[in-house]
C-alpha atoms as a PDB file:
ATOM      1  CA  MET A   1       0.000   0.000   0.000  1.00  0.00           C
ATOM      2  CA  LYS A   2       1.228   3.496  -0.767  1.00  0.00           C
ATOM      3  CA  PHE A   3       0.028   7.075  -0.773  1.00  0.00           C
ATOM      4  CA  ARG A   4      -0.088   9.472  -3.697  1.00  0.00           C
ATOM      5  CA  LEU A   5      -0.717  13.157  -3.080  1.00  0.00           C
ATOM      6  CA  ILE A   6      -1.795  15.199  -6.096  1.00  0.00           C
ATOM      7  CA  CYS A   7      -1.665  18.945  -5.462  1.00  0.00           C
ATOM      8  CA  VAL A   8      -2.584  21.808  -7.719  1.00  0.00           C
ATOM      9  CA  GLY A   9      -0.006  24.509  -7.124  1.00  0.00           C
ATOM     10  CA  LYS A  10       3.336  24.722  -5.391  1.00  0.00           C
ATOM     11  CA  LEU A  11       4.235  25.731  -1.879  1.00  0.00           C
ATOM     12  CA  ALA A  12       5.430  29.332  -2.200  1.00  0.00           C
ATOM     13  CA  GLU A  13       6.960  29.906   1.225  1.00  0.00           C
ATOM     14  CA  SER A  14      10.109  28.172   2.474  1.00  0.00           C
ATOM     15  CA  TRP A  15       8.510  27.377   5.863  1.00  0.00           C
ATOM     16  CA  GLN A  16       5.658  25.609   4.037  1.00  0.00           C
ATOM     17  CA  ARG A  17       8.088  23.525   2.008  1.00  0.00           C
ATOM     18  CA  GLN A  18      10.087  22.666   5.139  1.00  0.00           C
ATOM     19  CA  ALA A  19       6.970  21.579   7.024  1.00  0.00           C
ATOM     20  CA  ALA A  20       5.716  19.478   4.107  1.00  0.00           C
ATOM     21  CA  GLU A  21       9.137  17.871   3.629  1.00  0.00           C
ATOM     22  CA  GLU A  22       9.339  17.005   7.323  1.00  0.00           C
ATOM     23  CA  TYR A  23       5.938  15.287   7.329  1.00  0.00           C
ATOM     24  CA  ILE A  24       6.663  13.515   4.049  1.00  0.00           C
ATOM     25  CA  LYS A  25       9.803  12.024   5.659  1.00  0.00           C
ATOM     26  CA  ARG A  26       7.792  10.963   8.696  1.00  0.00           C
ATOM     27  CA  VAL A  27       5.011   9.358   6.635  1.00  0.00           C
ATOM     28  CA  GLN A  28       7.556   7.549   4.471  1.00  0.00           C
ATOM     29  CA  ARG A  29       8.714   5.619   7.533  1.00  0.00           C
ATOM     30  CA  TYR A  30       5.408   3.752   7.208  1.00  0.00           C
ATOM     31  CA  PHE A  31       4.304   4.021   3.578  1.00  0.00           C
ATOM     32  CA  PRO A  32       5.804   5.084   0.286  1.00  0.00           C
ATOM     33  CA  LEU A  33       4.442   8.512  -0.639  1.00  0.00           C
ATOM     34  CA  ASP A  34       4.515  10.092  -4.090  1.00  0.00           C
ATOM     35  CA  LEU A  35       3.923  13.834  -4.318  1.00  0.00           C
ATOM     36  CA  ILE A  36       2.727  15.208  -7.631  1.00  0.00           C
ATOM     37  CA  GLU A  37       2.517  18.969  -8.041  1.00  0.00           C
ATOM     38  CA  LEU A  38       0.445  20.249 -10.926  1.00  0.00           C
ATOM     39  CA  LYS A  39       0.759  23.758 -12.268  1.00  0.00           C
ATOM     40  CA  GLU A  40      -2.065  26.133 -11.416  1.00  0.00           C
ATOM     41  CA  GLU A  41      -4.044  27.232 -14.438  1.00  0.00           C
ATOM     42  CA  LYS A  42      -3.518  30.874 -15.330  1.00  0.00           C
ATOM     43  CA  GLY A  43      -6.596  33.054 -15.435  1.00  0.00           C
ATOM     44  CA  GLY A  44      -5.778  36.577 -16.471  1.00  0.00           C
ATOM     45  CA  ARG A  45      -7.709  39.670 -15.460  1.00  0.00           C
ATOM     46  CA  LYS A  46     -11.236  38.425 -16.127  1.00  0.00           C
ATOM     47  CA  SER A  47     -10.538  34.813 -15.445  1.00  0.00           C
ATOM     48  CA  ASP A  48     -13.084  32.157 -16.205  1.00  0.00           C
ATOM     49  CA  THR A  49     -13.076  30.108 -13.013  1.00  0.00           C
ATOM     50  CA  ASN A  50     -15.125  27.302 -14.591  1.00  0.00           C
ATOM     51  CA  ARG A  51     -12.491  26.905 -17.328  1.00  0.00           C
ATOM     52  CA  ILE A  52      -9.717  26.945 -14.736  1.00  0.00           C
ATOM     53  CA  ILE A  53     -11.435  24.359 -12.521  1.00  0.00           C
ATOM     54  CA  LYS A  54     -12.149  22.098 -15.487  1.00  0.00           C
ATOM     55  CA  ALA A  55      -8.579  22.263 -16.834  1.00  0.00           C
ATOM     56  CA  GLU A  56      -7.069  21.588 -13.409  1.00  0.00           C
ATOM     57  CA  GLY A  57      -9.567  18.777 -12.833  1.00  0.00           C
ATOM     58  CA  GLU A  58      -8.604  17.046 -16.062  1.00  0.00           C
ATOM     59  CA  ARG A  59      -4.941  17.160 -15.061  1.00  0.00           C
ATOM     60  CA  VAL A  60      -5.748  15.814 -11.586  1.00  0.00           C
ATOM     61  CA  LEU A  61      -7.794  12.902 -12.952  1.00  0.00           C
ATOM     62  CA  ALA A  62      -5.022  12.036 -15.407  1.00  0.00           C
ATOM     63  CA  LYS A  63      -2.721  11.405 -12.410  1.00  0.00           C
ATOM     64  CA  VAL A  64      -5.150   9.230 -10.412  1.00  0.00           C
ATOM     65  CA  PRO A  65      -4.344   5.525 -10.802  1.00  0.00           C
ATOM     66  CA  GLU A  66      -7.395   3.575 -11.915  1.00  0.00           C
ATOM     67  CA  LYS A  67      -7.683   1.238  -8.930  1.00  0.00           C
ATOM     68  CA  SER A  68      -6.637   3.623  -6.184  1.00  0.00           C
ATOM     69  CA  PHE A  69      -8.902   4.794  -3.388  1.00  0.00           C
ATOM     70  CA  LEU A  70      -9.341   8.491  -4.195  1.00  0.00           C
ATOM     71  CA  ILE A  71      -9.844  10.925  -1.335  1.00  0.00           C
ATOM     72  CA  VAL A  72     -10.653  14.435  -2.473  1.00  0.00           C
ATOM     73  CA  LEU A  73     -10.121  17.285  -0.046  1.00  0.00           C
ATOM     74  CA  ASP A  74     -12.979  19.734  -0.262  1.00  0.00           C
ATOM     75  CA  GLU A  75     -14.495  22.214   2.162  1.00  0.00           C
ATOM     76  CA  ASN A  76     -17.886  20.526   1.649  1.00  0.00           C
ATOM     77  CA  GLY A  77     -16.567  17.056   2.480  1.00  0.00           C
ATOM     78  CA  ARG A  78     -17.126  15.045   5.639  1.00  0.00           C
ATOM     79  CA  ASN A  79     -15.150  15.817   8.763  1.00  0.00           C
ATOM     80  CA  HIS A  80     -13.424  12.875  10.395  1.00  0.00           C
ATOM     81  CA  GLY A  81     -11.428  12.906  13.575  1.00  0.00           C
ATOM     82  CA  SER A  82      -7.822  11.761  13.562  1.00  0.00           C
ATOM     83  CA  GLU A  83      -8.656   8.437  15.181  1.00  0.00           C
ATOM     84  CA  HIS A  84     -11.415   7.769  12.651  1.00  0.00           C
ATOM     85  CA  LEU A  85      -9.063   8.479   9.749  1.00  0.00           C
ATOM     86  CA  ALA A  86      -6.531   6.099  11.319  1.00  0.00           C
ATOM     87  CA  GLN A  87      -9.244   3.443  11.636  1.00  0.00           C
ATOM     88  CA  LEU A  88     -10.179   3.843   7.964  1.00  0.00           C
ATOM     89  CA  LEU A  89      -6.534   3.466   6.994  1.00  0.00           C
ATOM     90  CA  SER A  90      -6.079   0.439   9.243  1.00  0.00           C
ATOM     91  CA  THR A  91      -9.173  -1.243   7.806  1.00  0.00           C
ATOM     92  CA  GLU A  92      -8.003  -0.576   4.261  1.00  0.00           C
ATOM     93  CA  MET A  93      -4.584  -2.040   5.069  1.00  0.00           C
ATOM     94  CA  VAL A  94      -6.146  -5.256   6.360  1.00  0.00           C
ATOM     95  CA  GLN A  95      -9.003  -5.680   3.882  1.00  0.00           C
ATOM     96  CA  GLY A  96      -8.164  -4.004   0.634  1.00  0.00           C
ATOM     97  CA  GLY A  97      -4.635  -2.806   0.537  1.00  0.00           C
ATOM     98  CA  ARG A  98      -5.462  -0.380  -2.260  1.00  0.00           C
ATOM     99  CA  ASP A  99      -3.212   2.596  -2.694  1.00  0.00           C
ATOM    100  CA  TRP A 100      -4.670   5.814  -1.376  1.00  0.00           C
ATOM    101  CA  CYS A 101      -4.610   8.834  -3.633  1.00  0.00           C
ATOM    102  CA  PHE A 102      -5.366  12.288  -2.213  1.00  0.00           C
ATOM    103  CA  ALA A 103      -6.284  15.271  -4.369  1.00  0.00           C
ATOM    104  CA  ILE A 104      -5.948  18.872  -3.250  1.00  0.00           C
ATOM    105  CA  GLY A 105      -7.371  21.339  -5.754  1.00  0.00           C
ATOM    106  CA  GLY A 106      -6.280  24.850  -6.533  1.00  0.00           C
ATOM    107  CA  PRO A 107      -7.668  28.092  -5.130  1.00  0.00           C
ATOM    108  CA  TYR A 108     -11.055  27.554  -6.818  1.00  0.00           C
ATOM    109  CA  GLY A 109     -11.501  23.967  -5.652  1.00  0.00           C
ATOM    110  CA  HIS A 110     -12.219  20.812  -7.631  1.00  0.00           C
ATOM    111  CA  ASP A 111     -14.035  20.162 -10.859  1.00  0.00           C
ATOM    112  CA  PRO A 112     -17.259  18.170 -10.255  1.00  0.00           C
ATOM    113  CA  ALA A 113     -15.753  15.308 -12.298  1.00  0.00           C
ATOM    114  CA  VAL A 114     -12.985  14.923  -9.704  1.00  0.00           C
ATOM    115  CA  VAL A 115     -15.499  14.875  -6.843  1.00  0.00           C
ATOM    116  CA  LYS A 116     -17.632  12.351  -8.747  1.00  0.00           C
ATOM    117  CA  ARG A 117     -14.618  10.001  -9.149  1.00  0.00           C
ATOM    118  CA  ALA A 118     -13.808  10.254  -5.426  1.00  0.00           C
ATOM    119  CA  ASN A 119     -14.322   7.326  -3.092  1.00  0.00           C
ATOM    120  CA  MET A 120     -14.369   9.820  -0.224  1.00  0.00           C
ATOM    121  CA  VAL A 121     -14.714  13.588   0.000  1.00  0.00           C
ATOM    122  CA  LEU A 122     -12.885  14.816   3.075  1.00  0.00           C
ATOM    123  CA  SER A 123     -12.877  18.163   4.823  1.00  0.00           C
ATOM    124  CA  LEU A 124     -10.008  18.925   7.161  1.00  0.00           C
ATOM    125  CA  SER A 125     -12.080  21.398   9.152  1.00  0.00           C
ATOM    126  CA  LYS A 126     -15.162  23.564   9.077  1.00  0.00           C
ATOM    127  CA  MET A 127     -12.709  26.418   8.680  1.00  0.00           C
ATOM    128  CA  THR A 128     -11.361  27.301   5.245  1.00  0.00           C
ATOM    129  CA  PHE A 129      -7.642  26.863   4.537  1.00  0.00           C
ATOM    130  CA  THR A 130      -5.508  27.734   1.561  1.00  0.00           C
ATOM    131  CA  HIS A 131      -4.632  24.782  -0.632  1.00  0.00           C
ATOM    132  CA  GLN A 132      -1.025  25.193   0.532  1.00  0.00           C
ATOM    133  CA  MET A 133      -2.011  24.867   4.197  1.00  0.00           C
ATOM    134  CA  ALA A 134      -4.311  21.947   3.370  1.00  0.00           C
ATOM    135  CA  ARG A 135      -1.286  20.041   2.066  1.00  0.00           C
ATOM    136  CA  ILE A 136       0.645  20.504   5.299  1.00  0.00           C
ATOM    137  CA  LEU A 137      -2.355  19.648   7.461  1.00  0.00           C
ATOM    138  CA  LEU A 138      -3.121  16.516   5.440  1.00  0.00           C
ATOM    139  CA  LEU A 139       0.472  15.312   5.653  1.00  0.00           C
ATOM    140  CA  GLU A 140       0.444  15.851   9.412  1.00  0.00           C
ATOM    141  CA  GLN A 141      -2.805  13.901   9.722  1.00  0.00           C
ATOM    142  CA  LEU A 142      -1.407  11.028   7.670  1.00  0.00           C
ATOM    143  CA  TYR A 143       1.589  10.885   9.975  1.00  0.00           C
ATOM    144  CA  ARG A 144      -0.710  11.070  13.002  1.00  0.00           C
ATOM    145  CA  SER A 145      -2.798   8.193  11.601  1.00  0.00           C
ATOM    146  CA  CYS A 146       0.320   6.078  11.208  1.00  0.00           C
ATOM    147  CA  SER A 147       1.374   6.812  14.787  1.00  0.00           C
ATOM    148  CA  ILE A 148      -2.109   5.939  16.074  1.00  0.00           C
ATOM    149  CA  ILE A 149      -2.126   2.627  14.199  1.00  0.00           C
ATOM    150  CA  ASN A 150       1.291   1.799  15.657  1.00  0.00           C
ATOM    151  CA  ASN A 151       0.394   2.928  19.200  1.00  0.00           C
ATOM    152  CA  GLU A 152       3.165   5.499  19.189  1.00  0.00           C
ATOM    153  CA  PRO A 153       3.160   8.493  21.539  1.00  0.00           C
ATOM    154  CA  TYR A 154       2.833  11.251  18.898  1.00  0.00           C
ATOM    155  CA  HIS A 155      -0.956  11.194  19.254  1.00  0.00           C
ATOM    156  CA  ASN A 156      -1.905  11.949  22.854  1.00  0.00           C
ATOM    157  CA  ARG A 157      -5.113  10.159  23.765  1.00  0.00           C
END
């Protein structure tokens, strides 16, 4: 089993890159993790957000392996606690073993086709985060899930 993280856009700030790199290293102690960064679609002055969302969505779907379990991060998704996410991961490891693929859209979110393909639509919080922050938070939660599954002290219960 491995993780694939598909992100629209790059991390602009050095502290964001450092945080993401740290959590990627931590997660990779448990699972291989591939990070795919896709270029944000340019919009211009009077940008057509529907065109942007559609173009980014097509590029995201092109990177999703056919048999993977796709989890799309979206502000309208379901909220799960850390322990519940760990339980889902643990169950998948035992029963299915499918690779998990996560998709983080750009500033305008996901194309409906991406959400339709998803096996799960996940919200990290009721609060809204930038897509850059969502990447860091997701990576931290993946690491936390791994530590929960392995009964390690990172997650204080």
